[in-house]
Amino acid sequence: MAKIGLYFGSFNPIHLGHLAIAGYMTEFTPLEQVWFVVSPHNPLKKKETLLEDHQRLYMAQLAIGDNDRLKATDIEFKLPSPSYTINTLAYLEEKYPQHIFNLVLGEDNLYTFHKWKNAEELIGKYHLYVYPRPYSRRPESPALEQILTKAKIHWAKAPLMEISGTFIRGGIKNGKNMSYYLPLSVWKYIVEMHFYEK
């Protein structure tokens, strides 16, 4: 049974920080593969800031290329919206009973875990591989503390990544060359399609 890390996100756009984290997980943890689960709509984010679903998926596929330890999946496009992690995991476990699924998430997302749907069930069933995020602050929350004391957390000593989709989109909107932060194939596609320019 392969150990799969599920890396959920809008990937708007996918960038070198995402790839570095996924690569760290496959090289330095027991995870054999990382799947980028491109989310159509994160319930905690505003939908109007998102590029069209299939464009973000295509950019993730461009970024991965022929790396067989990484995969981009549109699984959440087929599920009811808004997408919830617990529902996606139930679907994936039914479809891929030969895999053991784990969650890959940033430290900032860990600190909102008590707000996730069925958080108690998630931490009871799945291991969390958490990578550090700059400036993440653990809030004082009894509900969060209750969750974290029960969670199976594996802290990854991955390099801190300060690249963000917000930074990249803002740079493109202001006419900056943001090719240094993206796989070349993704940057070329963004330029060709005039994404994020307005």
N, C-alpha and C. Protein backbone atom coordinates (compact mmCIF):
# COMPACT_ATOMS: atom_id res chain seq x y z
N MET A 1 0.85 -1.20 0.00
CA MET A 1 0.00 0.00 0.00
C MET A 1 0.88 1.24 0.00
N ALA A 2 0.65 2.11 -0.97
CA ALA A 2 1.45 3.32 -1.08
C ALA A 2 0.95 4.40 -0.13
N LYS A 3 1.89 5.11 0.49
CA LYS A 3 1.54 6.23 1.34
C LYS A 3 1.49 7.50 0.49
N ILE A 4 0.31 8.08 0.43
CA ILE A 4 0.07 9.25 -0.40
C ILE A 4 -0.17 10.47 0.48
N GLY A 5 0.51 11.57 0.18
CA GLY A 5 0.22 12.84 0.84
C GLY A 5 -0.69 13.68 -0.02
N LEU A 6 -1.80 14.11 0.53
CA LEU A 6 -2.74 14.96 -0.20
C LEU A 6 -2.47 16.41 0.16
N TYR A 7 -2.11 17.18 -0.84
CA TYR A 7 -1.75 18.59 -0.67
C TYR A 7 -2.88 19.40 -1.31
N PHE A 8 -3.79 19.87 -0.47
CA PHE A 8 -4.96 20.61 -0.96
C PHE A 8 -4.60 22.08 -1.16
N GLY A 9 -5.19 22.69 -2.18
CA GLY A 9 -4.97 24.11 -2.37
C GLY A 9 -5.63 24.62 -3.62
N SER A 10 -5.70 25.94 -3.71
CA SER A 10 -6.26 26.54 -4.92
C SER A 10 -5.21 26.57 -6.04
N PHE A 11 -3.91 26.59 -5.67
CA PHE A 11 -2.81 26.61 -6.64
C PHE A 11 -3.10 27.65 -7.73
N ASN A 12 -3.15 28.89 -7.28
CA ASN A 12 -3.64 30.00 -8.10
C ASN A 12 -2.60 31.11 -8.21
N PRO A 13 -1.44 30.86 -8.89
CA PRO A 13 -1.06 29.64 -9.62
C PRO A 13 -0.14 28.75 -8.76
N ILE A 14 0.10 27.53 -9.24
CA ILE A 14 1.12 26.68 -8.63
C ILE A 14 2.47 27.36 -8.83
N HIS A 15 3.35 27.30 -7.81
CA HIS A 15 4.64 27.98 -7.92
C HIS A 15 5.75 27.11 -7.33
N LEU A 16 6.96 27.63 -7.36
CA LEU A 16 8.12 26.85 -6.93
C LEU A 16 8.06 26.50 -5.44
N GLY A 17 7.41 27.31 -4.65
CA GLY A 17 7.24 26.99 -3.23
C GLY A 17 6.43 25.72 -3.05
N HIS A 18 5.34 25.59 -3.80
CA HIS A 18 4.51 24.37 -3.74
C HIS A 18 5.33 23.14 -4.12
N LEU A 19 6.11 23.27 -5.20
CA LEU A 19 6.88 22.13 -5.68
C LEU A 19 7.99 21.75 -4.70
N ALA A 20 8.61 22.76 -4.09
CA ALA A 20 9.68 22.49 -3.12
C ALA A 20 9.12 21.74 -1.91
N ILE A 21 7.94 22.13 -1.46
CA ILE A 21 7.32 21.46 -0.31
C ILE A 21 6.95 20.02 -0.67
N ALA A 22 6.33 19.84 -1.83
CA ALA A 22 5.94 18.49 -2.26
C ALA A 22 7.18 17.61 -2.43
N GLY A 23 8.24 18.18 -3.01
CA GLY A 23 9.48 17.44 -3.19
C GLY A 23 10.10 17.06 -1.87
N TYR A 24 10.06 17.97 -0.90
CA TYR A 24 10.59 17.66 0.43
C TYR A 24 9.83 16.48 1.03
N MET A 25 8.52 16.48 0.90
CA MET A 25 7.69 15.42 1.48
C MET A 25 8.01 14.06 0.88
N THR A 26 8.27 14.01 -0.42
CA THR A 26 8.56 12.71 -1.05
C THR A 26 9.99 12.25 -0.78
N GLU A 27 10.89 13.18 -0.47
CA GLU A 27 12.29 12.82 -0.26
C GLU A 27 12.66 12.60 1.21
N PHE A 28 12.00 13.32 2.12
CA PHE A 28 12.43 13.33 3.52
C PHE A 28 11.39 12.80 4.50
N THR A 29 10.27 12.29 3.99
CA THR A 29 9.25 11.70 4.87
C THR A 29 8.88 10.33 4.30
N PRO A 30 8.07 9.55 5.01
CA PRO A 30 7.65 8.24 4.47
C PRO A 30 6.67 8.33 3.29
N LEU A 31 6.23 9.53 2.93
CA LEU A 31 5.27 9.65 1.82
C LEU A 31 5.94 9.29 0.50
N GLU A 32 5.28 8.41 -0.25
CA GLU A 32 5.85 7.95 -1.52
C GLU A 32 5.43 8.83 -2.70
N GLN A 33 4.28 9.44 -2.56
CA GLN A 33 3.80 10.37 -3.58
C GLN A 33 3.08 11.53 -2.90
N VAL A 34 3.05 12.67 -3.60
CA VAL A 34 2.21 13.79 -3.17
C VAL A 34 1.27 14.12 -4.32
N TRP A 35 0.00 14.18 -3.99
CA TRP A 35 -1.02 14.56 -4.97
C TRP A 35 -1.48 15.99 -4.68
N PHE A 36 -1.38 16.84 -5.69
CA PHE A 36 -1.92 18.19 -5.58
C PHE A 36 -3.42 18.11 -5.84
N VAL A 37 -4.21 18.34 -4.81
CA VAL A 37 -5.67 18.31 -4.95
C VAL A 37 -6.12 19.75 -5.23
N VAL A 38 -6.37 20.02 -6.50
CA VAL A 38 -6.75 21.38 -6.89
C VAL A 38 -8.19 21.63 -6.47
N SER A 39 -8.37 22.58 -5.59
CA SER A 39 -9.69 22.82 -5.00
C SER A 39 -10.48 23.82 -5.84
N PRO A 40 -11.72 23.48 -6.18
CA PRO A 40 -12.55 24.42 -6.94
C PRO A 40 -12.98 25.61 -6.10
N HIS A 41 -13.16 25.38 -4.81
CA HIS A 41 -13.59 26.47 -3.94
C HIS A 41 -13.33 26.10 -2.50
N ASN A 42 -12.41 26.81 -1.89
CA ASN A 42 -12.13 26.62 -0.47
C ASN A 42 -13.19 27.39 0.32
N PRO A 43 -13.93 26.72 1.20
CA PRO A 43 -14.99 27.41 1.95
C PRO A 43 -14.49 28.61 2.75
N LEU A 44 -13.18 28.66 3.04
CA LEU A 44 -12.65 29.77 3.82
C LEU A 44 -12.05 30.88 2.95
N LYS A 45 -12.17 30.76 1.61
CA LYS A 45 -11.63 31.79 0.72
C LYS A 45 -12.73 32.34 -0.19
N LYS A 46 -12.52 33.55 -0.68
CA LYS A 46 -13.47 34.15 -1.62
C LYS A 46 -13.27 33.54 -3.00
N LYS A 47 -14.37 33.13 -3.62
CA LYS A 47 -14.26 32.42 -4.89
C LYS A 47 -13.86 33.34 -6.04
N GLU A 48 -14.23 34.62 -5.99
CA GLU A 48 -14.00 35.49 -7.14
C GLU A 48 -12.52 35.73 -7.45
N THR A 49 -11.63 35.42 -6.51
CA THR A 49 -10.19 35.60 -6.76
C THR A 49 -9.58 34.42 -7.52
N LEU A 50 -10.34 33.36 -7.74
CA LEU A 50 -9.80 32.14 -8.35
C LEU A 50 -9.85 32.17 -9.87
N LEU A 51 -8.76 31.71 -10.49
CA LEU A 51 -8.77 31.44 -11.92
C LEU A 51 -9.66 30.23 -12.17
N GLU A 52 -10.12 30.05 -13.37
CA GLU A 52 -11.00 28.93 -13.72
C GLU A 52 -10.36 27.60 -13.32
N ASP A 53 -11.18 26.69 -12.80
CA ASP A 53 -10.69 25.43 -12.22
C ASP A 53 -9.72 24.67 -13.13
N HIS A 54 -10.14 24.45 -14.37
CA HIS A 54 -9.34 23.60 -15.26
C HIS A 54 -8.03 24.28 -15.69
N GLN A 55 -8.00 25.60 -15.66
CA GLN A 55 -6.75 26.30 -15.96
C GLN A 55 -5.73 26.06 -14.85
N ARG A 56 -6.19 26.10 -13.59
CA ARG A 56 -5.29 25.87 -12.46
C ARG A 56 -4.80 24.42 -12.44
N LEU A 57 -5.68 23.49 -12.78
CA LEU A 57 -5.29 22.08 -12.89
C LEU A 57 -4.24 21.90 -13.98
N TYR A 58 -4.47 22.52 -15.13
CA TYR A 58 -3.54 22.38 -16.25
C TYR A 58 -2.16 22.94 -15.88
N MET A 59 -2.13 24.07 -15.18
CA MET A 59 -0.84 24.63 -14.76
C MET A 59 -0.13 23.70 -13.78
N ALA A 60 -0.89 23.05 -12.91
CA ALA A 60 -0.29 22.08 -11.98
C ALA A 60 0.31 20.91 -12.76
N GLN A 61 -0.40 20.46 -13.80
CA GLN A 61 0.12 19.36 -14.62
C GLN A 61 1.38 19.79 -15.38
N LEU A 62 1.38 21.03 -15.86
CA LEU A 62 2.58 21.56 -16.52
C LEU A 62 3.76 21.58 -15.55
N ALA A 63 3.51 22.02 -14.33
CA ALA A 63 4.57 22.14 -13.33
C ALA A 63 5.17 20.78 -12.98
N ILE A 64 4.33 19.77 -12.89
CA ILE A 64 4.78 18.42 -12.50
C ILE A 64 5.56 17.75 -13.62
N GLY A 65 5.11 17.96 -14.85
CA GLY A 65 5.78 17.33 -15.99
C GLY A 65 5.75 15.81 -15.87
N ASP A 66 6.93 15.19 -16.01
CA ASP A 66 6.98 13.71 -15.97
C ASP A 66 7.45 13.17 -14.62
N ASN A 67 7.35 13.97 -13.56
CA ASN A 67 7.72 13.52 -12.22
C ASN A 67 6.67 12.54 -11.70
N ASP A 68 7.04 11.27 -11.61
CA ASP A 68 6.05 10.25 -11.23
C ASP A 68 5.78 10.20 -9.73
N ARG A 69 6.46 11.02 -8.94
CA ARG A 69 6.18 11.06 -7.50
C ARG A 69 5.17 12.16 -7.15
N LEU A 70 4.83 12.95 -8.14
CA LEU A 70 3.84 14.00 -7.95
C LEU A 70 2.69 13.79 -8.93
N LYS A 71 1.51 14.26 -8.52
CA LYS A 71 0.33 14.08 -9.37
C LYS A 71 -0.63 15.24 -9.08
N ALA A 72 -1.29 15.72 -10.13
CA ALA A 72 -2.35 16.73 -9.95
C ALA A 72 -3.68 16.05 -10.20
N THR A 73 -4.63 16.28 -9.31
CA THR A 73 -5.93 15.62 -9.45
C THR A 73 -7.08 16.61 -9.42
N ASP A 74 -8.08 16.32 -10.23
CA ASP A 74 -9.29 17.16 -10.30
C ASP A 74 -10.44 16.53 -9.51
N ILE A 75 -10.10 15.66 -8.57
CA ILE A 75 -11.11 14.87 -7.86
C ILE A 75 -12.20 15.75 -7.25
N GLU A 76 -11.82 16.93 -6.76
CA GLU A 76 -12.81 17.79 -6.09
C GLU A 76 -13.74 18.49 -7.09
N PHE A 77 -13.35 18.52 -8.37
CA PHE A 77 -14.23 19.14 -9.37
C PHE A 77 -15.52 18.33 -9.52
N LYS A 78 -15.43 17.03 -9.19
CA LYS A 78 -16.57 16.13 -9.40
C LYS A 78 -17.44 16.00 -8.15
N LEU A 79 -17.01 16.62 -7.06
CA LEU A 79 -17.74 16.51 -5.79
C LEU A 79 -18.57 17.76 -5.54
N PRO A 80 -19.58 17.67 -4.68
CA PRO A 80 -20.42 18.84 -4.40
C PRO A 80 -19.58 20.02 -3.89
N SER A 81 -19.97 21.21 -4.31
CA SER A 81 -19.29 22.43 -3.87
C SER A 81 -20.11 23.12 -2.79
N PRO A 82 -19.46 23.74 -1.79
CA PRO A 82 -18.02 23.83 -1.60
C PRO A 82 -17.43 22.50 -1.16
N SER A 83 -16.14 22.33 -1.47
CA SER A 83 -15.48 21.06 -1.18
C SER A 83 -14.98 21.02 0.26
N TYR A 84 -15.17 19.88 0.90
CA TYR A 84 -14.69 19.67 2.26
C TYR A 84 -13.74 18.48 2.27
N THR A 85 -12.65 18.60 2.98
CA THR A 85 -11.61 17.58 3.00
C THR A 85 -12.16 16.21 3.41
N ILE A 86 -13.03 16.18 4.39
CA ILE A 86 -13.57 14.90 4.87
C ILE A 86 -14.32 14.15 3.77
N ASN A 87 -15.06 14.89 2.93
CA ASN A 87 -15.81 14.27 1.83
C ASN A 87 -14.86 13.76 0.74
N THR A 88 -13.84 14.55 0.46
CA THR A 88 -12.86 14.15 -0.56
C THR A 88 -12.12 12.89 -0.14
N LEU A 89 -11.73 12.81 1.11
CA LEU A 89 -11.03 11.63 1.61
C LEU A 89 -11.91 10.39 1.55
N ALA A 90 -13.16 10.53 1.89
CA ALA A 90 -14.07 9.38 1.82
C ALA A 90 -14.17 8.87 0.38
N TYR A 91 -14.25 9.78 -0.56
CA TYR A 91 -14.33 9.42 -1.98
C TYR A 91 -13.04 8.74 -2.45
N LEU A 92 -11.90 9.32 -2.08
CA LEU A 92 -10.61 8.77 -2.50
C LEU A 92 -10.37 7.38 -1.91
N GLU A 93 -10.76 7.18 -0.66
CA GLU A 93 -10.55 5.87 -0.04
C GLU A 93 -11.38 4.79 -0.71
N GLU A 94 -12.55 5.17 -1.17
CA GLU A 94 -13.40 4.21 -1.88
C GLU A 94 -12.82 3.91 -3.26
N LYS A 95 -12.30 4.93 -3.92
CA LYS A 95 -11.78 4.78 -5.28
C LYS A 95 -10.40 4.12 -5.30
N TYR A 96 -9.57 4.39 -4.28
CA TYR A 96 -8.20 3.87 -4.24
C TYR A 96 -7.95 3.14 -2.91
N PRO A 97 -8.58 1.98 -2.72
CA PRO A 97 -8.42 1.26 -1.45
C PRO A 97 -7.00 0.75 -1.22
N GLN A 98 -6.19 0.77 -2.28
CA GLN A 98 -4.80 0.27 -2.16
C GLN A 98 -3.86 1.32 -1.58
N HIS A 99 -4.33 2.55 -1.35
CA HIS A 99 -3.47 3.63 -0.85
C HIS A 99 -3.80 3.98 0.59
N ILE A 100 -2.78 4.51 1.29
CA ILE A 100 -2.98 5.08 2.62
C ILE A 100 -2.83 6.59 2.47
N PHE A 101 -3.89 7.33 2.77
CA PHE A 101 -3.88 8.77 2.55
C PHE A 101 -3.51 9.53 3.83
N ASN A 102 -2.74 10.58 3.64
CA ASN A 102 -2.30 11.48 4.70
C ASN A 102 -2.52 12.91 4.21
N LEU A 103 -2.50 13.86 5.13
CA LEU A 103 -2.70 15.26 4.74
C LEU A 103 -1.37 16.01 4.83
N VAL A 104 -1.11 16.81 3.81
CA VAL A 104 0.04 17.72 3.79
C VAL A 104 -0.52 19.13 3.90
N LEU A 105 -0.08 19.87 4.91
CA LEU A 105 -0.63 21.21 5.08
C LEU A 105 0.37 22.14 5.73
N GLY A 106 0.17 23.42 5.53
CA GLY A 106 1.03 24.43 6.12
C GLY A 106 0.66 24.68 7.57
N GLU A 107 1.63 25.19 8.30
CA GLU A 107 1.43 25.49 9.72
C GLU A 107 0.25 26.44 9.92
N ASP A 108 0.07 27.39 8.99
CA ASP A 108 -1.04 28.34 9.11
C ASP A 108 -2.39 27.62 9.02
N ASN A 109 -2.48 26.62 8.13
CA ASN A 109 -3.73 25.86 8.02
C ASN A 109 -3.97 24.97 9.23
N LEU A 110 -2.88 24.47 9.82
CA LEU A 110 -3.02 23.65 11.02
C LEU A 110 -3.74 24.44 12.13
N TYR A 111 -3.43 25.72 12.20
CA TYR A 111 -4.00 26.54 13.27
C TYR A 111 -5.44 26.96 13.02
N THR A 112 -5.99 26.55 11.87
CA THR A 112 -7.44 26.75 11.63
C THR A 112 -8.18 25.41 11.62
N PHE A 113 -7.47 24.33 12.01
CA PHE A 113 -8.02 22.98 11.86
C PHE A 113 -9.32 22.79 12.63
N HIS A 114 -9.46 23.46 13.75
CA HIS A 114 -10.69 23.31 14.56
C HIS A 114 -11.92 23.85 13.83
N LYS A 115 -11.71 24.61 12.76
CA LYS A 115 -12.83 25.16 11.97
C LYS A 115 -13.21 24.23 10.81
N TRP A 116 -12.41 23.20 10.57
CA TRP A 116 -12.68 22.30 9.45
C TRP A 116 -13.88 21.42 9.77
N LYS A 117 -14.59 21.05 8.71
CA LYS A 117 -15.73 20.14 8.88
C LYS A 117 -15.23 18.78 9.38
N ASN A 118 -15.88 18.25 10.42
CA ASN A 118 -15.54 16.93 10.99
C ASN A 118 -14.06 16.84 11.39
N ALA A 119 -13.56 17.89 12.01
CA ALA A 119 -12.14 17.95 12.39
C ALA A 119 -11.75 16.78 13.29
N GLU A 120 -12.62 16.42 14.22
CA GLU A 120 -12.32 15.31 15.15
C GLU A 120 -12.12 14.01 14.40
N GLU A 121 -12.96 13.76 13.42
CA GLU A 121 -12.86 12.53 12.63
C GLU A 121 -11.57 12.53 11.80
N LEU A 122 -11.24 13.68 11.24
CA LEU A 122 -10.02 13.80 10.43
C LEU A 122 -8.77 13.46 11.25
N ILE A 123 -8.66 14.05 12.44
CA ILE A 123 -7.45 13.80 13.22
C ILE A 123 -7.42 12.39 13.80
N GLY A 124 -8.59 11.78 13.92
CA GLY A 124 -8.63 10.40 14.41
C GLY A 124 -8.15 9.40 13.38
N LYS A 125 -8.33 9.73 12.09
CA LYS A 125 -8.04 8.77 11.03
C LYS A 125 -6.77 9.03 10.25
N TYR A 126 -6.34 10.28 10.19
CA TYR A 126 -5.26 10.63 9.24
C TYR A 126 -4.06 11.29 9.93
N HIS A 127 -2.88 11.00 9.38
CA HIS A 127 -1.67 11.66 9.83
C HIS A 127 -1.54 13.00 9.11
N LEU A 128 -1.01 13.99 9.82
CA LEU A 128 -0.82 15.33 9.26
C LEU A 128 0.67 15.60 9.11
N TYR A 129 1.10 15.89 7.89
CA TYR A 129 2.48 16.29 7.63
C TYR A 129 2.48 17.81 7.45
N VAL A 130 3.07 18.49 8.42
CA VAL A 130 2.95 19.94 8.49
C VAL A 130 4.29 20.60 8.18
N TYR A 131 4.25 21.57 7.25
CA TYR A 131 5.47 22.31 6.92
C TYR A 131 5.39 23.72 7.52
N PRO A 132 6.53 24.27 7.94
CA PRO A 132 6.52 25.58 8.59
C PRO A 132 6.15 26.69 7.63
N ARG A 133 5.47 27.69 8.14
CA ARG A 133 5.15 28.89 7.37
C ARG A 133 5.66 30.10 8.13
N PRO A 134 6.30 31.04 7.42
CA PRO A 134 6.81 32.23 8.11
C PRO A 134 5.67 32.98 8.79
N TYR A 135 5.94 33.47 9.95
CA TYR A 135 5.02 34.35 10.68
C TYR A 135 3.74 33.65 11.14
N SER A 136 3.67 32.33 11.08
CA SER A 136 2.48 31.63 11.59
C SER A 136 2.42 31.77 13.10
N ARG A 137 1.27 32.15 13.59
CA ARG A 137 1.10 32.30 15.04
C ARG A 137 -0.01 31.37 15.51
N ARG A 138 0.28 30.64 16.55
CA ARG A 138 -0.71 29.72 17.10
C ARG A 138 -1.69 30.52 17.96
N PRO A 139 -2.96 30.57 17.56
CA PRO A 139 -3.92 31.37 18.34
C PRO A 139 -4.27 30.69 19.66
N GLU A 140 -4.71 31.48 20.59
CA GLU A 140 -5.19 30.91 21.85
C GLU A 140 -6.63 30.48 21.64
N SER A 141 -6.84 29.18 21.58
CA SER A 141 -8.17 28.64 21.30
C SER A 141 -8.30 27.28 21.97
N PRO A 142 -9.19 27.16 22.94
CA PRO A 142 -9.41 25.84 23.58
C PRO A 142 -9.83 24.78 22.57
N ALA A 143 -10.64 25.16 21.59
CA ALA A 143 -11.09 24.19 20.58
C ALA A 143 -9.91 23.68 19.76
N LEU A 144 -9.00 24.59 19.39
CA LEU A 144 -7.81 24.20 18.63
C LEU A 144 -6.91 23.31 19.48
N GLU A 145 -6.69 23.68 20.72
CA GLU A 145 -5.82 22.89 21.60
C GLU A 145 -6.34 21.47 21.76
N GLN A 146 -7.65 21.33 21.86
CA GLN A 146 -8.25 20.01 22.00
C GLN A 146 -7.96 19.15 20.78
N ILE A 147 -8.03 19.79 19.60
CA ILE A 147 -7.75 19.08 18.35
C ILE A 147 -6.27 18.69 18.29
N LEU A 148 -5.39 19.64 18.57
CA LEU A 148 -3.95 19.41 18.39
C LEU A 148 -3.40 18.35 19.35
N THR A 149 -3.97 18.25 20.53
CA THR A 149 -3.47 17.25 21.48
C THR A 149 -3.78 15.82 21.00
N LYS A 150 -4.78 15.67 20.17
CA LYS A 150 -5.14 14.33 19.67
C LYS A 150 -4.55 14.04 18.29
N ALA A 151 -4.09 15.06 17.59
CA ALA A 151 -3.66 14.89 16.20
C ALA A 151 -2.32 14.16 16.09
N LYS A 152 -2.19 13.40 15.00
CA LYS A 152 -0.93 12.70 14.69
C LYS A 152 -0.13 13.61 13.74
N ILE A 153 0.65 14.50 14.34
CA ILE A 153 1.34 15.53 13.56
C ILE A 153 2.80 15.16 13.35
N HIS A 154 3.25 15.27 12.09
CA HIS A 154 4.66 15.08 11.75
C HIS A 154 5.17 16.43 11.24
N TRP A 155 6.01 17.07 12.03
CA TRP A 155 6.54 18.38 11.63
C TRP A 155 7.67 18.17 10.64
N ALA A 156 7.53 18.76 9.46
CA ALA A 156 8.57 18.66 8.44
C ALA A 156 9.56 19.80 8.62
N LYS A 157 10.84 19.48 8.58
CA LYS A 157 11.86 20.52 8.72
C LYS A 157 12.20 21.10 7.35
N ALA A 158 11.16 21.37 6.59
CA ALA A 158 11.33 21.91 5.24
C ALA A 158 11.78 23.37 5.31
N PRO A 159 12.52 23.84 4.28
CA PRO A 159 12.91 25.24 4.25
C PRO A 159 11.67 26.14 4.26
N LEU A 160 11.78 27.28 4.91
CA LEU A 160 10.66 28.23 4.94
C LEU A 160 10.45 28.80 3.55
N MET A 161 9.20 28.80 3.10
CA MET A 161 8.85 29.32 1.78
C MET A 161 7.99 30.58 1.93
N GLU A 162 8.50 31.69 1.43
CA GLU A 162 7.74 32.93 1.54
C GLU A 162 7.08 33.33 0.23
N ILE A 163 7.16 32.46 -0.77
CA ILE A 163 6.48 32.74 -2.04
C ILE A 163 4.99 32.47 -1.85
N SER A 164 4.16 33.34 -2.39
CA SER A 164 2.71 33.10 -2.30
C SER A 164 2.05 33.44 -3.63
N GLY A 165 0.89 32.84 -3.84
CA GLY A 165 0.11 33.15 -5.03
C GLY A 165 -0.28 34.63 -5.06
N THR A 166 -0.60 35.17 -3.89
CA THR A 166 -0.99 36.58 -3.80
C THR A 166 0.15 37.48 -4.29
N PHE A 167 1.37 37.18 -3.86
CA PHE A 167 2.55 37.94 -4.28
C PHE A 167 2.75 37.85 -5.79
N ILE A 168 2.62 36.64 -6.34
CA ILE A 168 2.82 36.43 -7.78
C ILE A 168 1.75 37.15 -8.58
N ARG A 169 0.50 37.00 -8.18
CA ARG A 169 -0.59 37.67 -8.91
C ARG A 169 -0.44 39.18 -8.87
N GLY A 170 -0.06 39.70 -7.70
CA GLY A 170 0.14 41.13 -7.56
C GLY A 170 1.26 41.64 -8.45
N GLY A 171 2.36 40.88 -8.51
CA GLY A 171 3.48 41.26 -9.37
C GLY A 171 3.09 41.30 -10.83
N ILE A 172 2.36 40.28 -11.28
CA ILE A 172 1.93 40.22 -12.68
C ILE A 172 1.01 41.39 -12.99
N LYS A 173 0.10 41.68 -12.09
CA LYS A 173 -0.84 42.80 -12.29
C LYS A 173 -0.10 44.12 -12.45
N ASN A 174 1.05 44.22 -11.77
CA ASN A 174 1.85 45.45 -11.84
C ASN A 174 2.94 45.40 -12.89
N GLY A 175 2.84 44.42 -13.79
CA GLY A 175 3.75 44.36 -14.93
C GLY A 175 5.15 43.85 -14.61
N LYS A 176 5.32 43.14 -13.50
CA LYS A 176 6.63 42.62 -13.11
C LYS A 176 6.90 41.26 -13.76
N ASN A 177 8.17 40.95 -13.94
CA ASN A 177 8.58 39.64 -14.43
C ASN A 177 8.62 38.68 -13.23
N MET A 178 7.66 37.80 -13.15
CA MET A 178 7.55 36.88 -12.01
C MET A 178 8.03 35.47 -12.37
N SER A 179 8.80 35.37 -13.45
CA SER A 179 9.24 34.05 -13.93
C SER A 179 10.17 33.36 -12.94
N TYR A 180 10.78 34.11 -12.02
CA TYR A 180 11.73 33.53 -11.07
C TYR A 180 11.04 32.66 -10.02
N TYR A 181 9.73 32.79 -9.89
CA TYR A 181 9.00 32.12 -8.81
C TYR A 181 8.14 30.95 -9.31
N LEU A 182 8.18 30.70 -10.61
CA LEU A 182 7.30 29.71 -11.23
C LEU A 182 8.10 28.77 -12.12
N PRO A 183 7.64 27.52 -12.29
CA PRO A 183 8.25 26.68 -13.33
C PRO A 183 8.12 27.40 -14.67
N LEU A 184 9.12 27.31 -15.52
CA LEU A 184 9.13 28.04 -16.78
C LEU A 184 7.89 27.74 -17.62
N SER A 185 7.47 26.47 -17.64
CA SER A 185 6.30 26.09 -18.44
C SER A 185 5.04 26.81 -17.96
N VAL A 186 4.93 26.98 -16.65
CA VAL A 186 3.77 27.66 -16.07
C VAL A 186 3.82 29.16 -16.38
N TRP A 187 5.01 29.75 -16.23
CA TRP A 187 5.16 31.17 -16.53
C TRP A 187 4.81 31.47 -17.99
N LYS A 188 5.31 30.64 -18.90
CA LYS A 188 5.02 30.85 -20.33
C LYS A 188 3.53 30.77 -20.60
N TYR A 189 2.85 29.84 -19.95
CA TYR A 189 1.41 29.69 -20.15
C TYR A 189 0.65 30.90 -19.60
N ILE A 190 1.06 31.40 -18.44
CA ILE A 190 0.42 32.57 -17.84
C ILE A 190 0.57 33.78 -18.77
N VAL A 191 1.77 33.96 -19.32
CA VAL A 191 2.01 35.08 -20.24
C VAL A 191 1.16 34.93 -21.50
N GLU A 192 1.16 33.72 -22.03
CA GLU A 192 0.40 33.44 -23.27
C GLU A 192 -1.09 33.71 -23.09
N MET A 193 -1.62 33.34 -21.92
CA MET A 193 -3.06 33.48 -21.66
C MET A 193 -3.43 34.83 -21.02
N HIS A 194 -2.42 35.65 -20.71
CA HIS A 194 -2.64 36.97 -20.09
C HIS A 194 -3.37 36.85 -18.74
N PHE A 195 -3.04 35.78 -17.99
CA PHE A 195 -3.65 35.60 -16.68
C PHE A 195 -3.13 36.64 -15.70
N TYR A 196 -3.98 37.03 -14.78
CA TYR A 196 -3.66 37.88 -13.62
C TYR A 196 -3.22 39.30 -13.99
N GLU A 197 -3.40 39.69 -15.26
CA GLU A 197 -2.93 41.02 -15.66
C GLU A 197 -3.87 42.15 -15.23
N LYS A 198 -5.12 41.80 -14.95
CA LYS A 198 -6.10 42.84 -14.56
C LYS A 198 -6.51 42.66 -13.11
